[in-house]
N, C-alpha and C. Protein backbone atom coordinates (compact mmCIF):
# COMPACT_ATOMS: atom_id res chain seq x y z
N UNK A 1 -51.93 23.74 -19.61
CA UNK A 1 -52.68 22.91 -20.81
C UNK A 1 -51.64 21.18 -20.81
N UNK A 2 -52.68 20.57 -20.61
CA UNK A 2 -52.25 19.11 -20.61
C UNK A 2 -52.23 18.41 -21.98
N UNK A 3 -51.08 17.90 -22.26
CA UNK A 3 -50.75 17.20 -23.82
C UNK A 3 -51.60 15.85 -23.84
N UNK A 4 -52.44 15.91 -24.90
CA UNK A 4 -53.22 14.59 -24.98
C UNK A 4 -52.63 13.40 -25.66
N UNK A 5 -53.03 12.39 -25.17
CA UNK A 5 -52.61 11.26 -25.69
C UNK A 5 -53.06 10.91 -27.20
N UNK A 6 -52.27 9.91 -27.47
CA UNK A 6 -52.67 9.59 -29.16
C UNK A 6 -54.28 8.93 -29.30
N UNK A 7 -54.50 8.17 -28.38
CA UNK A 7 -56.02 7.80 -27.94
C UNK A 7 -56.96 8.69 -27.84
N UNK A 8 -56.62 9.82 -26.89
CA UNK A 8 -57.43 11.01 -26.81
C UNK A 8 -57.50 11.78 -28.01
N UNK A 9 -56.42 11.97 -28.82
CA UNK A 9 -56.57 12.50 -29.85
C UNK A 9 -57.47 11.93 -31.14
N UNK A 10 -57.18 10.54 -31.11
CA UNK A 10 -58.13 9.93 -32.06
C UNK A 10 -59.69 9.81 -31.71
N UNK A 11 -59.85 10.08 -30.60
CA UNK A 11 -61.36 9.96 -30.30
C UNK A 11 -61.71 11.46 -30.32
N UNK A 12 -61.13 12.49 -30.19
CA UNK A 12 -61.45 13.90 -30.35
C UNK A 12 -61.69 13.97 -31.80
N UNK A 13 -60.58 13.63 -32.88
CA UNK A 13 -60.80 14.07 -34.33
C UNK A 13 -62.24 13.36 -34.77
N UNK A 14 -62.88 12.59 -34.09
CA UNK A 14 -64.28 12.03 -34.12
C UNK A 14 -65.25 13.25 -34.32
N UNK A 15 -65.12 14.33 -33.58
CA UNK A 15 -65.76 15.40 -33.44
C UNK A 15 -65.36 16.49 -34.59
N UNK A 16 -64.65 16.57 -35.14
CA UNK A 16 -63.94 17.50 -36.47
C UNK A 16 -63.81 16.85 -37.70
N UNK A 17 -64.54 17.27 -38.46
CA UNK A 17 -64.59 16.64 -40.04
C UNK A 17 -63.26 17.32 -40.73
N UNK A 18 -62.60 16.39 -41.51
CA UNK A 18 -61.31 16.99 -42.45
C UNK A 18 -59.97 17.08 -41.72
N UNK A 19 -59.84 17.10 -40.38
CA UNK A 19 -58.62 17.17 -39.57
C UNK A 19 -57.95 16.02 -39.44
N UNK A 20 -56.58 15.54 -39.61
CA UNK A 20 -56.11 14.76 -39.32
C UNK A 20 -54.77 14.99 -38.28
N UNK A 21 -54.38 13.47 -37.62
CA UNK A 21 -53.36 14.05 -36.74
C UNK A 21 -51.97 13.28 -37.33
N UNK A 22 -50.98 14.19 -37.87
CA UNK A 22 -49.77 14.26 -38.48
C UNK A 22 -48.66 14.63 -37.87
N UNK A 23 -47.64 13.86 -37.49
CA UNK A 23 -46.41 14.67 -36.98
C UNK A 23 -46.68 15.44 -35.68
N UNK A 24 -47.48 15.13 -34.75
CA UNK A 24 -47.60 15.88 -33.80
C UNK A 24 -48.51 17.04 -33.82
N UNK A 25 -49.14 17.40 -34.90
CA UNK A 25 -50.03 18.64 -35.62
C UNK A 25 -51.33 17.84 -35.54
N UNK A 26 -52.55 18.84 -35.43
CA UNK A 26 -53.82 18.60 -36.29
C UNK A 26 -53.56 19.30 -37.27
N UNK A 27 -53.97 18.64 -38.65
CA UNK A 27 -53.76 19.25 -40.06
C UNK A 27 -55.06 19.34 -40.87
N UNK A 28 -55.30 20.57 -41.41
CA UNK A 28 -56.31 20.64 -42.39
C UNK A 28 -55.73 21.23 -43.48
N UNK A 29 -56.24 20.98 -44.58
CA UNK A 29 -56.25 21.90 -45.82
C UNK A 29 -57.41 22.29 -46.43
N UNK A 30 -57.55 23.40 -46.96
CA UNK A 30 -58.55 24.05 -47.75
C UNK A 30 -58.15 24.68 -48.82
N UNK A 31 -59.36 24.34 -50.01
CA UNK A 31 -59.04 25.08 -51.44
C UNK A 31 -60.10 25.88 -51.24
N UNK A 32 -59.56 27.05 -51.97
CA UNK A 32 -60.65 28.27 -52.48
C UNK A 32 -60.62 28.55 -54.01
N UNK A 33 -61.56 29.44 -54.36
CA UNK A 33 -61.47 29.84 -55.64
C UNK A 33 -60.14 30.68 -56.14
N UNK A 34 -59.76 31.23 -55.15
CA UNK A 34 -58.67 32.06 -55.64
C UNK A 34 -57.81 32.65 -54.59
N UNK A 35 -56.67 33.24 -54.87
CA UNK A 35 -55.88 33.97 -53.66
C UNK A 35 -56.51 34.90 -52.71
N UNK A 36 -57.53 35.89 -53.06
CA UNK A 36 -57.90 36.60 -52.69
C UNK A 36 -59.31 36.12 -51.65
N UNK A 37 -59.78 34.84 -51.85
CA UNK A 37 -60.71 34.23 -51.20
C UNK A 37 -59.87 33.63 -49.90
N UNK A 38 -58.74 32.99 -50.37
CA UNK A 38 -58.08 32.27 -49.35
C UNK A 38 -57.47 33.33 -48.36
N UNK A 39 -56.77 34.59 -48.79
CA UNK A 39 -56.40 35.20 -47.69
C UNK A 39 -57.44 35.91 -47.05
N UNK A 40 -58.23 36.24 -47.73
CA UNK A 40 -59.57 36.93 -46.79
C UNK A 40 -59.76 35.70 -45.58
N UNK A 41 -60.13 34.78 -45.81
CA UNK A 41 -60.50 33.80 -44.94
C UNK A 41 -59.28 33.68 -43.71
N UNK A 42 -57.93 33.56 -44.34
CA UNK A 42 -57.19 33.80 -43.31
C UNK A 42 -57.34 34.86 -42.35
N UNK A 43 -57.51 36.07 -42.70
CA UNK A 43 -57.79 37.29 -42.08
C UNK A 43 -58.75 37.38 -40.89
N UNK A 44 -59.82 36.44 -41.44
CA UNK A 44 -60.94 36.25 -40.68
C UNK A 44 -60.44 35.07 -39.36
N UNK A 45 -59.80 34.05 -39.86
CA UNK A 45 -59.14 32.98 -38.98
C UNK A 45 -58.09 33.80 -38.12
N UNK A 46 -57.50 34.83 -38.40
CA UNK A 46 -56.62 35.38 -37.44
C UNK A 46 -57.37 35.94 -36.44
N UNK A 47 -58.40 36.86 -36.51
CA UNK A 47 -59.33 37.17 -35.49
C UNK A 47 -59.71 36.13 -34.26
N UNK A 48 -60.16 34.66 -34.85
CA UNK A 48 -60.51 34.03 -33.78
C UNK A 48 -59.33 33.69 -33.16
N UNK A 49 -57.96 33.31 -33.61
CA UNK A 49 -56.47 33.14 -33.33
C UNK A 49 -56.69 34.10 -32.22
N UNK A 50 -56.48 35.26 -32.05
CA UNK A 50 -56.27 36.47 -31.51
C UNK A 50 -57.07 36.27 -30.47
N UNK A 51 -58.47 35.87 -30.34
CA UNK A 51 -59.25 36.11 -29.17
C UNK A 51 -59.24 34.94 -28.44
N UNK A 52 -58.62 34.00 -28.97
CA UNK A 52 -58.25 32.72 -28.20
C UNK A 52 -56.80 32.66 -27.53
N UNK A 53 -56.08 33.53 -28.20
CA UNK A 53 -54.53 33.82 -27.77
C UNK A 53 -53.56 32.17 -28.10
N UNK A 54 -54.46 31.73 -29.46
CA UNK A 54 -53.57 30.39 -29.98
C UNK A 54 -53.39 30.71 -31.37
N UNK A 55 -52.23 30.51 -31.85
CA UNK A 55 -51.96 30.72 -33.24
C UNK A 55 -51.38 29.34 -34.23
N UNK A 56 -51.96 29.47 -35.22
CA UNK A 56 -51.66 28.19 -35.95
C UNK A 56 -50.04 28.14 -36.77
N UNK A 57 -49.69 27.40 -37.20
CA UNK A 57 -48.74 27.16 -38.34
C UNK A 57 -49.58 27.10 -39.57
N UNK A 58 -49.02 28.05 -40.61
CA UNK A 58 -49.99 27.54 -41.62
C UNK A 58 -49.25 28.19 -43.18
N UNK A 59 -49.82 27.74 -44.14
CA UNK A 59 -48.93 27.92 -45.34
C UNK A 59 -50.18 28.26 -46.62
N UNK A 60 -49.89 29.37 -47.19
CA UNK A 60 -51.02 29.58 -47.99
C UNK A 60 -50.18 29.53 -49.49
N UNK A 61 -50.57 29.03 -50.51
CA UNK A 61 -49.88 28.99 -51.78
C UNK A 61 -51.17 29.28 -52.62
N UNK A 62 -51.46 30.34 -53.19
CA UNK A 62 -52.42 30.73 -54.24
C UNK A 62 -53.72 30.62 -53.39
N UNK A 63 -54.51 29.63 -53.88
CA UNK A 63 -55.81 29.45 -53.55
C UNK A 63 -56.05 28.21 -52.51
N UNK A 64 -54.80 27.79 -51.88
CA UNK A 64 -54.86 26.68 -50.67
C UNK A 64 -54.38 27.12 -49.76
N UNK A 65 -54.82 26.51 -48.46
CA UNK A 65 -54.49 27.03 -47.13
C UNK A 65 -54.18 25.75 -46.49
N UNK A 66 -53.21 25.43 -45.83
CA UNK A 66 -52.84 24.06 -45.15
C UNK A 66 -52.71 24.66 -43.56
N UNK A 67 -52.96 24.31 -42.50
CA UNK A 67 -53.30 24.66 -41.26
C UNK A 67 -52.81 23.44 -40.32
N UNK A 68 -51.63 23.94 -39.36
CA UNK A 68 -51.29 22.59 -38.64
C UNK A 68 -51.34 23.41 -37.21
N UNK A 69 -51.78 22.63 -36.45
CA UNK A 69 -52.17 23.03 -34.93
C UNK A 69 -51.40 22.12 -34.08
N UNK A 70 -50.78 23.00 -32.88
CA UNK A 70 -50.27 21.94 -31.35
C UNK A 70 -50.15 23.14 -30.66
N UNK A 71 -50.00 22.78 -29.56
CA UNK A 71 -49.57 23.71 -28.66
C UNK A 71 -48.02 23.82 -28.19
N UNK A 72 -47.79 24.70 -28.19
CA UNK A 72 -46.14 24.62 -28.41
C UNK A 72 -45.79 24.55 -26.82
N UNK A 73 -46.59 25.40 -25.82
CA UNK A 73 -46.16 25.07 -24.36
C UNK A 73 -46.00 23.71 -23.97
N UNK A 74 -47.40 22.97 -24.40
CA UNK A 74 -47.61 21.51 -24.15
C UNK A 74 -46.40 20.62 -25.07
N UNK A 75 -45.91 21.00 -25.84
CA UNK A 75 -45.16 20.38 -26.77
C UNK A 75 -45.82 19.47 -27.64
N UNK A 76 -47.22 19.28 -27.88
CA UNK A 76 -48.22 18.75 -28.28
C UNK A 76 -49.35 19.03 -28.42
N UNK A 77 -50.38 17.99 -28.78
CA UNK A 77 -51.84 18.49 -29.03
C UNK A 77 -52.61 18.66 -27.73
N UNK A 78 -53.44 19.89 -27.53
CA UNK A 78 -54.24 19.86 -26.24
C UNK A 78 -55.58 20.39 -26.80
N UNK A 79 -56.52 20.21 -25.94
CA UNK A 79 -57.72 20.52 -26.16
C UNK A 79 -57.92 22.24 -26.65
N UNK A 80 -57.14 22.91 -26.50
CA UNK A 80 -56.75 24.30 -27.29
C UNK A 80 -56.89 24.13 -28.42
N UNK A 81 -56.18 23.35 -29.00
CA UNK A 81 -56.08 23.02 -30.34
C UNK A 81 -57.41 22.54 -30.97
N UNK A 82 -58.19 21.90 -30.63
CA UNK A 82 -59.41 21.29 -30.91
C UNK A 82 -60.34 22.46 -30.88
N UNK A 83 -60.14 22.97 -29.73
CA UNK A 83 -61.27 24.38 -29.72
C UNK A 83 -60.91 25.17 -31.01
N UNK A 84 -59.68 25.50 -31.47
CA UNK A 84 -59.26 26.35 -32.45
C UNK A 84 -59.53 25.56 -33.56
N UNK A 85 -59.57 24.26 -33.73
CA UNK A 85 -60.06 23.88 -35.13
C UNK A 85 -61.39 23.93 -35.25
N UNK A 86 -62.12 23.57 -34.42
CA UNK A 86 -63.80 24.08 -34.52
C UNK A 86 -64.04 25.33 -34.76
N UNK A 87 -63.20 26.46 -34.43
CA UNK A 87 -63.57 28.02 -34.59
C UNK A 87 -63.08 28.23 -35.99
N UNK A 88 -62.26 27.53 -36.41
CA UNK A 88 -61.60 27.67 -37.92
C UNK A 88 -62.63 27.01 -39.01
N UNK A 89 -63.18 26.12 -38.56
CA UNK A 89 -64.26 25.13 -39.52
C UNK A 89 -65.24 26.18 -39.56
N UNK A 90 -65.86 26.89 -38.57
CA UNK A 90 -66.99 27.64 -38.33
C UNK A 90 -66.84 28.60 -39.29
N UNK A 91 -65.29 29.36 -39.54
CA UNK A 91 -64.91 30.47 -40.28
C UNK A 91 -65.18 29.86 -41.58
N UNK A 92 -64.62 28.83 -41.85
CA UNK A 92 -64.28 28.45 -43.16
C UNK A 92 -65.67 27.95 -44.00
N UNK A 93 -66.57 27.23 -43.08
CA UNK A 93 -67.87 26.80 -43.65
C UNK A 93 -68.99 27.92 -43.25
């Protein structure tokens, strides 16, 4: 998997809403009505991650979830991260 350039990342960010490029990661934060809803969504996302063989860095505090994506093997952001971001958006929305 090839690491994307900043220009490529900037262009691809136009195709996914709510995601940003921060410190070498694609980042998005979500708010839910309560912890149960946040955790249930994380579980659904986990199945997508397993299917893709790609796993996020994430943090859950009560009703909030922050997801940070990059491809560890490439030491940066790749197309794989954008595919997972799109899959996550389908689960959340």
